[in-house]
Amino acid sequence: YTAPAAFYLTGAPQGTRLLIEHVGIEFLNARFGHKNFTFIRMKGGTREGHGSRWQTLTEHFNRKEIINVADTMAVIDLENLMRQYAAFLFCAVGDAFQGGIVKDDSSWSNGTNNRWFFVNWDMEDSFGKPLPNYFKTLGYGPPAPPVLRPLLWHKLSNDPAFQRRFSILMNNILDNALTNNWIDKTIT
């Protein structure tokens, strides 16, 4: 999470700064009430921690010539992923390939949702210079090693079921759902 803050040094104003709360296990603990997560921080092409699980997940999708909604939903929270793509598109995030991917490992023991979900960050890079074709940019990633979010976008964007779901989501968010009633219902 980020927030603007007025910064003073020995009582003298130094301008406005951006406060940033880093996403990590403590961040997740504060929001979910436990620390039993696999959290993989993405920064550029590097993977910090739990690399073998990340590599296995990426290879699972990279091996397949075609993936579809059902394949993806079995492993990844697709609604979360589509909302992240929507946020990147709407905000024109210049660096959409950072962030974290998280798996709630406590869900294995209680039998609930145990799919991976993505965490947005670096949203302060929003509304920078516009990109000529942001949809194409979402599918771009370094050729090796593959990066999961652009890989999924590249492969899912050819699935008619994904195209329908994503179109409906974008329509609901950007056209008629952003009303005070929708916001009140969604946030409270």
N, C-alpha and C. Protein backbone atom coordinates (compact mmCIF):
# COMPACT_ATOMS: atom_id res chain seq x y z
N TYR A 1 0.83 -1.18 0.00
CA TYR A 1 0.00 0.00 0.00
C TYR A 1 0.87 1.24 0.00
N THR A 2 0.38 2.29 -0.63
CA THR A 2 1.13 3.53 -0.68
C THR A 2 0.22 4.67 -0.24
N ALA A 3 0.83 5.74 0.25
CA ALA A 3 0.09 6.94 0.65
C ALA A 3 1.03 8.14 0.56
N PRO A 4 0.51 9.30 0.15
CA PRO A 4 1.34 10.49 0.14
C PRO A 4 1.54 11.01 1.57
N ALA A 5 2.66 11.65 1.80
CA ALA A 5 2.94 12.19 3.13
C ALA A 5 3.78 13.46 3.00
N ALA A 6 3.45 14.45 3.82
CA ALA A 6 4.29 15.66 3.89
C ALA A 6 5.50 15.30 4.74
N PHE A 7 6.70 15.59 4.26
CA PHE A 7 7.93 15.22 4.96
C PHE A 7 8.58 16.48 5.54
N TYR A 8 8.89 16.43 6.84
CA TYR A 8 9.55 17.54 7.53
C TYR A 8 10.85 17.02 8.13
N LEU A 9 11.89 17.79 8.05
CA LEU A 9 13.17 17.46 8.66
C LEU A 9 13.54 18.62 9.58
N THR A 10 13.66 18.31 10.85
CA THR A 10 13.90 19.32 11.90
C THR A 10 12.95 20.51 11.75
N GLY A 11 11.68 20.19 11.49
CA GLY A 11 10.64 21.21 11.42
C GLY A 11 10.52 21.92 10.09
N ALA A 12 11.44 21.72 9.17
CA ALA A 12 11.39 22.40 7.87
C ALA A 12 10.76 21.48 6.83
N PRO A 13 9.78 21.97 6.06
CA PRO A 13 9.14 21.12 5.05
C PRO A 13 10.13 20.74 3.94
N GLN A 14 10.09 19.46 3.60
CA GLN A 14 10.98 18.94 2.56
C GLN A 14 10.21 18.47 1.33
N GLY A 15 8.91 18.73 1.32
CA GLY A 15 8.09 18.33 0.19
C GLY A 15 7.26 17.10 0.48
N THR A 16 6.59 16.62 -0.54
CA THR A 16 5.73 15.44 -0.43
C THR A 16 6.52 14.20 -0.82
N ARG A 17 6.32 13.16 -0.05
CA ARG A 17 6.98 11.87 -0.32
C ARG A 17 5.91 10.79 -0.40
N LEU A 18 6.31 9.63 -0.84
CA LEU A 18 5.41 8.50 -0.96
C LEU A 18 5.78 7.45 0.09
N LEU A 19 4.84 7.15 0.98
CA LEU A 19 5.05 6.08 1.96
C LEU A 19 4.67 4.76 1.30
N ILE A 20 5.52 3.78 1.46
CA ILE A 20 5.28 2.48 0.83
C ILE A 20 5.35 1.39 1.88
N GLU A 21 4.31 0.57 1.94
CA GLU A 21 4.33 -0.62 2.79
C GLU A 21 4.70 -1.79 1.91
N HIS A 22 5.80 -2.44 2.22
CA HIS A 22 6.26 -3.54 1.38
C HIS A 22 5.42 -4.78 1.63
N VAL A 23 5.14 -5.48 0.55
CA VAL A 23 4.37 -6.71 0.63
C VAL A 23 5.34 -7.84 0.96
N GLY A 24 4.99 -8.61 1.95
CA GLY A 24 5.78 -9.75 2.38
C GLY A 24 4.97 -10.57 3.38
N ILE A 25 5.61 -11.46 4.05
CA ILE A 25 4.90 -12.34 5.00
C ILE A 25 4.24 -11.53 6.11
N GLU A 26 4.91 -10.50 6.64
CA GLU A 26 4.29 -9.68 7.70
C GLU A 26 3.06 -8.94 7.19
N PHE A 27 3.12 -8.44 5.97
CA PHE A 27 1.98 -7.79 5.32
C PHE A 27 0.80 -8.77 5.24
N LEU A 28 1.08 -9.99 4.79
CA LEU A 28 0.04 -11.00 4.66
C LEU A 28 -0.51 -11.41 6.02
N ASN A 29 0.37 -11.53 7.02
CA ASN A 29 -0.05 -11.88 8.37
C ASN A 29 -1.02 -10.83 8.92
N ALA A 30 -0.73 -9.55 8.68
CA ALA A 30 -1.59 -8.47 9.17
C ALA A 30 -2.97 -8.52 8.52
N ARG A 31 -3.07 -9.02 7.31
CA ARG A 31 -4.35 -9.04 6.60
C ARG A 31 -5.10 -10.36 6.68
N PHE A 32 -4.37 -11.48 6.82
CA PHE A 32 -5.01 -12.79 6.83
C PHE A 32 -4.95 -13.48 8.19
N GLY A 33 -4.13 -12.96 9.09
CA GLY A 33 -4.07 -13.51 10.44
C GLY A 33 -3.18 -14.73 10.62
N HIS A 34 -2.32 -15.01 9.67
CA HIS A 34 -1.35 -16.09 9.83
C HIS A 34 -0.19 -15.87 8.86
N LYS A 35 0.88 -16.65 9.06
CA LYS A 35 2.09 -16.51 8.24
C LYS A 35 2.34 -17.71 7.34
N ASN A 36 1.35 -18.57 7.22
CA ASN A 36 1.53 -19.82 6.48
C ASN A 36 1.28 -19.61 4.99
N PHE A 37 2.21 -18.91 4.33
CA PHE A 37 2.09 -18.59 2.92
C PHE A 37 3.37 -18.99 2.20
N THR A 38 3.22 -19.35 0.94
CA THR A 38 4.35 -19.33 0.04
C THR A 38 4.25 -18.01 -0.68
N PHE A 39 5.25 -17.17 -0.53
CA PHE A 39 5.24 -15.84 -1.13
C PHE A 39 6.46 -15.72 -2.01
N ILE A 40 6.23 -15.45 -3.28
CA ILE A 40 7.33 -15.31 -4.22
C ILE A 40 7.32 -13.88 -4.71
N ARG A 41 8.38 -13.18 -4.39
CA ARG A 41 8.52 -11.77 -4.78
C ARG A 41 9.16 -11.73 -6.15
N MET A 42 8.52 -10.99 -7.05
CA MET A 42 9.07 -10.84 -8.39
C MET A 42 9.69 -9.46 -8.51
N LYS A 43 10.88 -9.41 -8.97
CA LYS A 43 11.56 -8.13 -9.23
C LYS A 43 12.34 -8.34 -10.51
N GLY A 44 11.86 -7.77 -11.59
CA GLY A 44 12.50 -8.02 -12.87
C GLY A 44 12.41 -9.49 -13.22
N GLY A 45 13.51 -10.11 -13.56
CA GLY A 45 13.51 -11.52 -13.92
C GLY A 45 13.92 -12.42 -12.78
N THR A 46 14.09 -11.87 -11.58
CA THR A 46 14.56 -12.69 -10.48
C THR A 46 13.41 -13.19 -9.65
N ARG A 47 13.64 -14.27 -8.97
CA ARG A 47 12.66 -14.84 -8.05
C ARG A 47 13.34 -15.01 -6.71
N GLU A 48 12.73 -14.43 -5.70
CA GLU A 48 13.32 -14.51 -4.37
C GLU A 48 12.51 -15.48 -3.52
N GLY A 49 13.09 -16.58 -3.09
CA GLY A 49 12.43 -17.53 -2.22
C GLY A 49 11.50 -18.48 -2.97
N HIS A 50 11.39 -19.69 -2.50
CA HIS A 50 10.49 -20.70 -3.04
C HIS A 50 10.63 -20.84 -4.56
N GLY A 51 11.83 -20.70 -5.06
CA GLY A 51 12.07 -20.72 -6.50
C GLY A 51 11.61 -21.99 -7.18
N SER A 52 11.74 -23.13 -6.52
CA SER A 52 11.37 -24.38 -7.18
C SER A 52 9.86 -24.44 -7.41
N ARG A 53 9.05 -23.93 -6.46
CA ARG A 53 7.60 -23.94 -6.66
C ARG A 53 7.22 -22.97 -7.78
N TRP A 54 7.89 -21.83 -7.84
CA TRP A 54 7.64 -20.86 -8.90
C TRP A 54 8.00 -21.46 -10.25
N GLN A 55 9.16 -22.08 -10.31
CA GLN A 55 9.63 -22.67 -11.57
C GLN A 55 8.67 -23.76 -12.03
N THR A 56 8.21 -24.59 -11.11
CA THR A 56 7.28 -25.67 -11.45
C THR A 56 5.98 -25.09 -11.99
N LEU A 57 5.46 -24.04 -11.35
CA LEU A 57 4.23 -23.42 -11.80
C LEU A 57 4.39 -22.81 -13.19
N THR A 58 5.47 -22.08 -13.40
CA THR A 58 5.71 -21.45 -14.70
C THR A 58 5.89 -22.51 -15.79
N GLU A 59 6.65 -23.56 -15.49
CA GLU A 59 6.87 -24.62 -16.47
C GLU A 59 5.58 -25.34 -16.82
N HIS A 60 4.68 -25.48 -15.83
CA HIS A 60 3.38 -26.12 -16.06
C HIS A 60 2.65 -25.43 -17.22
N PHE A 61 2.65 -24.10 -17.22
CA PHE A 61 1.96 -23.36 -18.27
C PHE A 61 2.81 -23.17 -19.52
N ASN A 62 4.11 -23.10 -19.36
CA ASN A 62 4.99 -22.89 -20.50
C ASN A 62 5.03 -24.13 -21.41
N ARG A 63 4.91 -25.33 -20.82
CA ARG A 63 4.94 -26.58 -21.59
C ARG A 63 3.74 -26.71 -22.51
N LYS A 64 2.61 -26.12 -22.13
CA LYS A 64 1.39 -26.30 -22.91
C LYS A 64 1.36 -25.32 -24.07
N GLU A 65 1.05 -25.84 -25.23
CA GLU A 65 0.93 -24.98 -26.41
C GLU A 65 -0.26 -24.04 -26.25
N ILE A 66 -1.37 -24.60 -25.76
CA ILE A 66 -2.61 -23.84 -25.56
C ILE A 66 -3.06 -24.06 -24.13
N ILE A 67 -3.48 -22.99 -23.47
CA ILE A 67 -4.11 -23.13 -22.16
C ILE A 67 -5.48 -22.47 -22.24
N ASN A 68 -6.36 -22.89 -21.35
CA ASN A 68 -7.69 -22.32 -21.34
C ASN A 68 -8.08 -21.94 -19.92
N VAL A 69 -9.28 -21.42 -19.78
CA VAL A 69 -9.77 -20.95 -18.49
C VAL A 69 -9.76 -22.08 -17.47
N ALA A 70 -10.24 -23.25 -17.85
CA ALA A 70 -10.31 -24.38 -16.91
C ALA A 70 -8.92 -24.77 -16.41
N ASP A 71 -7.94 -24.87 -17.33
CA ASP A 71 -6.56 -25.20 -16.93
C ASP A 71 -6.04 -24.20 -15.90
N THR A 72 -6.30 -22.93 -16.18
CA THR A 72 -5.76 -21.87 -15.33
C THR A 72 -6.46 -21.85 -13.98
N MET A 73 -7.80 -21.97 -13.98
CA MET A 73 -8.56 -21.88 -12.73
C MET A 73 -8.24 -23.01 -11.76
N ALA A 74 -7.74 -24.10 -12.27
CA ALA A 74 -7.37 -25.21 -11.38
C ALA A 74 -6.18 -24.86 -10.50
N VAL A 75 -5.36 -23.91 -10.94
CA VAL A 75 -4.11 -23.61 -10.25
C VAL A 75 -4.02 -22.16 -9.77
N ILE A 76 -4.65 -21.25 -10.50
CA ILE A 76 -4.51 -19.82 -10.24
C ILE A 76 -5.89 -19.21 -10.04
N ASP A 77 -6.00 -18.25 -9.12
CA ASP A 77 -7.23 -17.50 -8.92
C ASP A 77 -7.41 -16.59 -10.13
N LEU A 78 -8.19 -17.04 -11.10
CA LEU A 78 -8.33 -16.33 -12.37
C LEU A 78 -9.01 -14.97 -12.20
N GLU A 79 -9.98 -14.87 -11.31
CA GLU A 79 -10.64 -13.59 -11.08
C GLU A 79 -9.62 -12.55 -10.59
N ASN A 80 -8.76 -12.96 -9.67
CA ASN A 80 -7.70 -12.08 -9.17
C ASN A 80 -6.75 -11.67 -10.30
N LEU A 81 -6.36 -12.62 -11.14
CA LEU A 81 -5.45 -12.33 -12.24
C LEU A 81 -6.09 -11.38 -13.25
N MET A 82 -7.36 -11.60 -13.59
CA MET A 82 -8.02 -10.71 -14.53
C MET A 82 -8.16 -9.30 -13.97
N ARG A 83 -8.43 -9.19 -12.67
CA ARG A 83 -8.53 -7.86 -12.06
C ARG A 83 -7.17 -7.17 -12.04
N GLN A 84 -6.10 -7.95 -11.92
CA GLN A 84 -4.77 -7.34 -11.98
C GLN A 84 -4.50 -6.83 -13.39
N TYR A 85 -4.82 -7.63 -14.40
CA TYR A 85 -4.67 -7.15 -15.77
C TYR A 85 -5.49 -5.88 -15.98
N ALA A 86 -6.73 -5.86 -15.48
CA ALA A 86 -7.59 -4.68 -15.63
C ALA A 86 -6.96 -3.46 -14.97
N ALA A 87 -6.40 -3.64 -13.77
CA ALA A 87 -5.75 -2.52 -13.07
C ALA A 87 -4.56 -2.02 -13.87
N PHE A 88 -3.77 -2.93 -14.42
CA PHE A 88 -2.61 -2.53 -15.23
C PHE A 88 -3.05 -1.76 -16.46
N LEU A 89 -4.11 -2.23 -17.12
CA LEU A 89 -4.60 -1.55 -18.32
C LEU A 89 -5.16 -0.17 -17.98
N PHE A 90 -6.00 -0.11 -16.96
CA PHE A 90 -6.65 1.15 -16.60
C PHE A 90 -5.63 2.19 -16.14
N CYS A 91 -4.66 1.75 -15.36
CA CYS A 91 -3.68 2.68 -14.78
C CYS A 91 -2.44 2.87 -15.66
N ALA A 92 -2.35 2.15 -16.76
CA ALA A 92 -1.19 2.23 -17.65
C ALA A 92 0.12 2.07 -16.88
N VAL A 93 0.18 1.02 -16.09
CA VAL A 93 1.37 0.75 -15.28
C VAL A 93 2.54 0.46 -16.21
N GLY A 94 3.63 1.18 -16.04
CA GLY A 94 4.78 1.02 -16.91
C GLY A 94 5.59 -0.23 -16.63
N ASP A 95 5.43 -0.81 -15.46
CA ASP A 95 6.20 -2.00 -15.10
C ASP A 95 5.23 -3.03 -14.53
N ALA A 96 4.49 -3.68 -15.40
CA ALA A 96 3.42 -4.57 -14.97
C ALA A 96 3.91 -5.97 -14.61
N PHE A 97 5.20 -6.21 -14.65
CA PHE A 97 5.65 -7.58 -14.46
C PHE A 97 6.31 -7.82 -13.11
N GLN A 98 6.30 -6.81 -12.27
CA GLN A 98 6.76 -7.02 -10.90
C GLN A 98 5.55 -7.44 -10.08
N GLY A 99 5.77 -7.64 -8.83
CA GLY A 99 4.68 -8.00 -7.94
C GLY A 99 4.99 -9.30 -7.25
N GLY A 100 4.01 -9.81 -6.58
CA GLY A 100 4.19 -11.06 -5.88
C GLY A 100 3.12 -12.05 -6.29
N ILE A 101 3.44 -13.30 -6.10
CA ILE A 101 2.44 -14.35 -6.28
C ILE A 101 2.45 -15.13 -4.97
N VAL A 102 1.26 -15.42 -4.48
CA VAL A 102 1.09 -15.95 -3.14
C VAL A 102 0.22 -17.19 -3.17
N LYS A 103 0.55 -18.14 -2.31
CA LYS A 103 -0.30 -19.31 -2.11
C LYS A 103 -0.53 -19.44 -0.61
N ASP A 104 -1.79 -19.50 -0.23
CA ASP A 104 -2.15 -19.64 1.18
C ASP A 104 -2.00 -21.11 1.55
N ASP A 105 -0.87 -21.44 2.17
CA ASP A 105 -0.59 -22.85 2.48
C ASP A 105 -1.47 -23.40 3.58
N SER A 106 -2.13 -22.54 4.36
CA SER A 106 -3.05 -23.04 5.38
C SER A 106 -4.29 -23.64 4.73
N SER A 107 -4.58 -23.25 3.49
CA SER A 107 -5.76 -23.77 2.81
C SER A 107 -5.63 -25.25 2.48
N TRP A 108 -4.39 -25.75 2.40
CA TRP A 108 -4.21 -27.19 2.17
C TRP A 108 -4.80 -27.99 3.31
N SER A 109 -4.63 -27.49 4.54
CA SER A 109 -5.11 -28.25 5.70
C SER A 109 -6.60 -28.09 5.93
N ASN A 110 -7.19 -26.95 5.54
CA ASN A 110 -8.62 -26.79 5.81
C ASN A 110 -9.49 -27.03 4.58
N GLY A 111 -8.87 -27.41 3.45
CA GLY A 111 -9.63 -27.81 2.27
C GLY A 111 -10.26 -26.67 1.48
N THR A 112 -9.86 -25.43 1.73
CA THR A 112 -10.43 -24.31 0.98
C THR A 112 -9.55 -23.98 -0.22
N ASN A 113 -9.83 -22.87 -0.85
CA ASN A 113 -9.11 -22.44 -2.05
C ASN A 113 -7.60 -22.47 -1.82
N ASN A 114 -6.91 -23.22 -2.63
CA ASN A 114 -5.45 -23.26 -2.50
C ASN A 114 -4.78 -22.86 -3.81
N ARG A 115 -5.43 -21.96 -4.54
CA ARG A 115 -4.86 -21.49 -5.80
C ARG A 115 -3.94 -20.31 -5.55
N TRP A 116 -2.99 -20.12 -6.44
CA TRP A 116 -2.08 -18.98 -6.38
C TRP A 116 -2.84 -17.71 -6.70
N PHE A 117 -2.47 -16.60 -6.04
CA PHE A 117 -3.03 -15.30 -6.40
C PHE A 117 -1.92 -14.27 -6.45
N PHE A 118 -2.13 -13.27 -7.29
CA PHE A 118 -1.14 -12.22 -7.51
C PHE A 118 -1.42 -11.01 -6.63
N VAL A 119 -0.36 -10.31 -6.26
CA VAL A 119 -0.46 -9.09 -5.46
C VAL A 119 0.11 -7.94 -6.29
N ASN A 120 -0.69 -6.89 -6.47
CA ASN A 120 -0.21 -5.70 -7.20
C ASN A 120 0.79 -4.94 -6.35
N TRP A 121 1.80 -4.42 -7.00
CA TRP A 121 2.62 -3.39 -6.40
C TRP A 121 3.29 -2.59 -7.50
N ASP A 122 4.02 -1.59 -7.11
CA ASP A 122 4.61 -0.63 -8.04
C ASP A 122 3.54 0.11 -8.82
N MET A 123 2.38 0.29 -8.21
CA MET A 123 1.31 1.03 -8.87
C MET A 123 1.63 2.53 -8.91
N GLU A 124 2.65 2.97 -8.16
CA GLU A 124 3.03 4.38 -8.23
C GLU A 124 3.64 4.72 -9.59
N ASP A 125 3.92 3.70 -10.38
CA ASP A 125 4.43 3.89 -11.73
C ASP A 125 3.28 4.08 -12.73
N SER A 126 2.07 4.27 -12.22
CA SER A 126 0.88 4.41 -13.06
C SER A 126 0.82 5.78 -13.74
N PHE A 127 0.05 5.81 -14.79
CA PHE A 127 -0.26 7.05 -15.52
C PHE A 127 0.99 7.79 -15.96
N GLY A 128 2.04 7.04 -16.24
CA GLY A 128 3.27 7.63 -16.76
C GLY A 128 3.11 7.87 -18.25
N LYS A 129 4.13 7.53 -18.98
CA LYS A 129 4.01 7.72 -20.42
C LYS A 129 3.14 6.60 -21.01
N PRO A 130 2.19 6.98 -21.86
CA PRO A 130 1.30 5.97 -22.42
C PRO A 130 2.05 5.02 -23.36
N LEU A 131 1.66 3.78 -23.32
CA LEU A 131 2.25 2.79 -24.20
C LEU A 131 1.38 2.66 -25.45
N PRO A 132 1.96 2.45 -26.62
CA PRO A 132 1.17 2.45 -27.85
C PRO A 132 0.14 1.31 -27.92
N ASN A 133 0.47 0.13 -27.41
CA ASN A 133 -0.46 -0.99 -27.45
C ASN A 133 -0.30 -1.76 -26.15
N TYR A 134 -1.05 -1.35 -25.14
CA TYR A 134 -0.85 -1.96 -23.84
C TYR A 134 -1.28 -3.42 -23.79
N PHE A 135 -2.29 -3.79 -24.58
CA PHE A 135 -2.69 -5.20 -24.61
C PHE A 135 -1.53 -6.07 -25.08
N LYS A 136 -0.80 -5.60 -26.08
CA LYS A 136 0.36 -6.33 -26.56
C LYS A 136 1.45 -6.36 -25.49
N THR A 137 1.61 -5.25 -24.77
CA THR A 137 2.62 -5.16 -23.72
C THR A 137 2.36 -6.17 -22.61
N LEU A 138 1.07 -6.42 -22.28
CA LEU A 138 0.76 -7.40 -21.23
C LEU A 138 1.28 -8.78 -21.58
N GLY A 139 1.38 -9.10 -22.86
CA GLY A 139 1.86 -10.41 -23.27
C GLY A 139 3.34 -10.47 -23.54
N TYR A 140 4.04 -9.35 -23.31
CA TYR A 140 5.48 -9.33 -23.56
C TYR A 140 6.23 -9.69 -22.30
N GLY A 141 7.23 -10.50 -22.45
CA GLY A 141 8.10 -10.84 -21.34
C GLY A 141 9.41 -11.33 -21.90
N PRO A 142 10.43 -11.38 -21.08
CA PRO A 142 11.70 -11.89 -21.57
C PRO A 142 11.54 -13.33 -22.03
N PRO A 143 12.21 -13.72 -23.13
CA PRO A 143 12.03 -15.06 -23.67
C PRO A 143 12.50 -16.17 -22.73
N ALA A 144 13.52 -15.91 -21.96
CA ALA A 144 14.00 -16.95 -21.03
C ALA A 144 14.60 -16.26 -19.82
N PRO A 145 14.28 -16.66 -18.64
CA PRO A 145 13.22 -17.61 -18.33
C PRO A 145 11.86 -16.96 -18.52
N PRO A 146 10.80 -17.76 -18.79
CA PRO A 146 9.48 -17.17 -18.98
C PRO A 146 8.97 -16.53 -17.70
N VAL A 147 8.22 -15.44 -17.85
CA VAL A 147 7.61 -14.74 -16.73
C VAL A 147 6.13 -15.09 -16.75
N LEU A 148 5.58 -15.50 -15.62
CA LEU A 148 4.26 -16.13 -15.58
C LEU A 148 3.12 -15.22 -16.05
N ARG A 149 3.01 -13.99 -15.53
CA ARG A 149 1.86 -13.16 -15.91
C ARG A 149 1.79 -12.88 -17.41
N PRO A 150 2.88 -12.44 -18.07
CA PRO A 150 2.79 -12.25 -19.51
C PRO A 150 2.59 -13.56 -20.27
N LEU A 151 3.16 -14.64 -19.76
CA LEU A 151 2.96 -15.94 -20.39
C LEU A 151 1.49 -16.32 -20.37
N LEU A 152 0.84 -16.14 -19.21
CA LEU A 152 -0.58 -16.46 -19.10
C LEU A 152 -1.41 -15.56 -20.01
N TRP A 153 -1.10 -14.25 -20.01
CA TRP A 153 -1.86 -13.34 -20.89
C TRP A 153 -1.72 -13.77 -22.35
N HIS A 154 -0.50 -14.04 -22.75
CA HIS A 154 -0.23 -14.42 -24.14
C HIS A 154 -1.04 -15.65 -24.53
N LYS A 155 -1.07 -16.64 -23.65
CA LYS A 155 -1.74 -17.89 -24.00
C LYS A 155 -3.26 -17.82 -23.77
N LEU A 156 -3.69 -17.17 -22.69
CA LEU A 156 -5.12 -17.08 -22.41
C LEU A 156 -5.85 -16.18 -23.39
N SER A 157 -5.18 -15.17 -23.91
CA SER A 157 -5.85 -14.21 -24.78
C SER A 157 -6.36 -14.86 -26.07
N ASN A 158 -5.94 -16.08 -26.34
CA ASN A 158 -6.44 -16.82 -27.51
C ASN A 158 -7.63 -17.72 -27.18
N ASP A 159 -8.01 -17.79 -25.90
CA ASP A 159 -9.11 -18.64 -25.48
C ASP A 159 -10.41 -17.83 -25.50
N PRO A 160 -11.41 -18.23 -26.32
CA PRO A 160 -12.67 -17.48 -26.39
C PRO A 160 -13.36 -17.33 -25.03
N ALA A 161 -13.27 -18.34 -24.17
CA ALA A 161 -13.89 -18.24 -22.84
C ALA A 161 -13.21 -17.15 -22.01
N PHE A 162 -11.89 -17.06 -22.09
CA PHE A 162 -11.17 -15.99 -21.38
C PHE A 162 -11.53 -14.63 -21.97
N GLN A 163 -11.58 -14.54 -23.29
CA GLN A 163 -11.93 -13.28 -23.94
C GLN A 163 -13.29 -12.78 -23.46
N ARG A 164 -14.28 -13.70 -23.38
CA ARG A 164 -15.61 -13.31 -22.90
C ARG A 164 -15.56 -12.86 -21.45
N ARG A 165 -14.91 -13.64 -20.60
CA ARG A 165 -14.84 -13.30 -19.16
C ARG A 165 -14.14 -11.96 -18.95
N PHE A 166 -13.04 -11.76 -19.65
CA PHE A 166 -12.28 -10.52 -19.47
C PHE A 166 -13.07 -9.32 -20.02
N SER A 167 -13.75 -9.49 -21.14
CA SER A 167 -14.58 -8.42 -21.70
C SER A 167 -15.69 -8.03 -20.74
N ILE A 168 -16.34 -9.03 -20.16
CA ILE A 168 -17.41 -8.75 -19.19
C ILE A 168 -16.85 -8.02 -17.98
N LEU A 169 -15.71 -8.49 -17.47
CA LEU A 169 -15.09 -7.84 -16.32
C LEU A 169 -14.76 -6.38 -16.63
N MET A 170 -14.12 -6.14 -17.77
CA MET A 170 -13.76 -4.76 -18.13
C MET A 170 -15.01 -3.91 -18.31
N ASN A 171 -16.04 -4.44 -18.92
CA ASN A 171 -17.28 -3.69 -19.08
C ASN A 171 -17.88 -3.35 -17.72
N ASN A 172 -17.91 -4.32 -16.83
CA ASN A 172 -18.48 -4.07 -15.50
C ASN A 172 -17.69 -3.04 -14.71
N ILE A 173 -16.39 -3.09 -14.83
CA ILE A 173 -15.55 -2.16 -14.08
C ILE A 173 -15.61 -0.75 -14.67
N LEU A 174 -15.43 -0.66 -15.97
CA LEU A 174 -15.23 0.65 -16.60
C LEU A 174 -16.51 1.29 -17.12
N ASP A 175 -17.56 0.52 -17.29
CA ASP A 175 -18.75 1.09 -17.90
C ASP A 175 -19.84 1.37 -16.88
N ASN A 176 -20.41 0.32 -16.34
CA ASN A 176 -21.61 0.55 -15.54
C ASN A 176 -21.49 0.17 -14.08
N ALA A 177 -20.43 -0.48 -13.68
CA ALA A 177 -20.37 -0.95 -12.30
C ALA A 177 -19.77 0.06 -11.34
N LEU A 178 -19.05 1.04 -11.84
CA LEU A 178 -18.41 2.00 -10.94
C LEU A 178 -19.41 3.08 -10.54
N THR A 179 -20.41 2.66 -9.80
CA THR A 179 -21.40 3.58 -9.26
C THR A 179 -21.22 3.60 -7.75
N ASN A 180 -21.80 4.58 -7.08
CA ASN A 180 -21.71 4.63 -5.62
C ASN A 180 -22.31 3.37 -5.01
N ASN A 181 -23.42 2.88 -5.56
CA ASN A 181 -24.05 1.66 -5.06
C ASN A 181 -23.12 0.47 -5.18
N TRP A 182 -22.46 0.31 -6.35
CA TRP A 182 -21.53 -0.80 -6.56
C TRP A 182 -20.34 -0.69 -5.61
N ILE A 183 -19.80 0.50 -5.45
CA ILE A 183 -18.67 0.70 -4.55
C ILE A 183 -19.06 0.36 -3.12
N ASP A 184 -20.22 0.85 -2.68
CA ASP A 184 -20.70 0.55 -1.31
C ASP A 184 -20.88 -0.95 -1.11
N LYS A 185 -21.48 -1.63 -2.10
CA LYS A 185 -21.70 -3.08 -2.00
C LYS A 185 -20.38 -3.84 -1.99
N THR A 186 -19.44 -3.42 -2.80
CA THR A 186 -18.19 -4.14 -2.97
C THR A 186 -17.23 -3.93 -1.80
N ILE A 187 -17.16 -2.72 -1.31
CA ILE A 187 -16.17 -2.39 -0.27
C ILE A 187 -16.68 -2.74 1.12
N THR A 188 -17.97 -2.62 1.36
CA THR A 188 -18.49 -2.88 2.72
C THR A 188 -19.04 -4.25 2.86
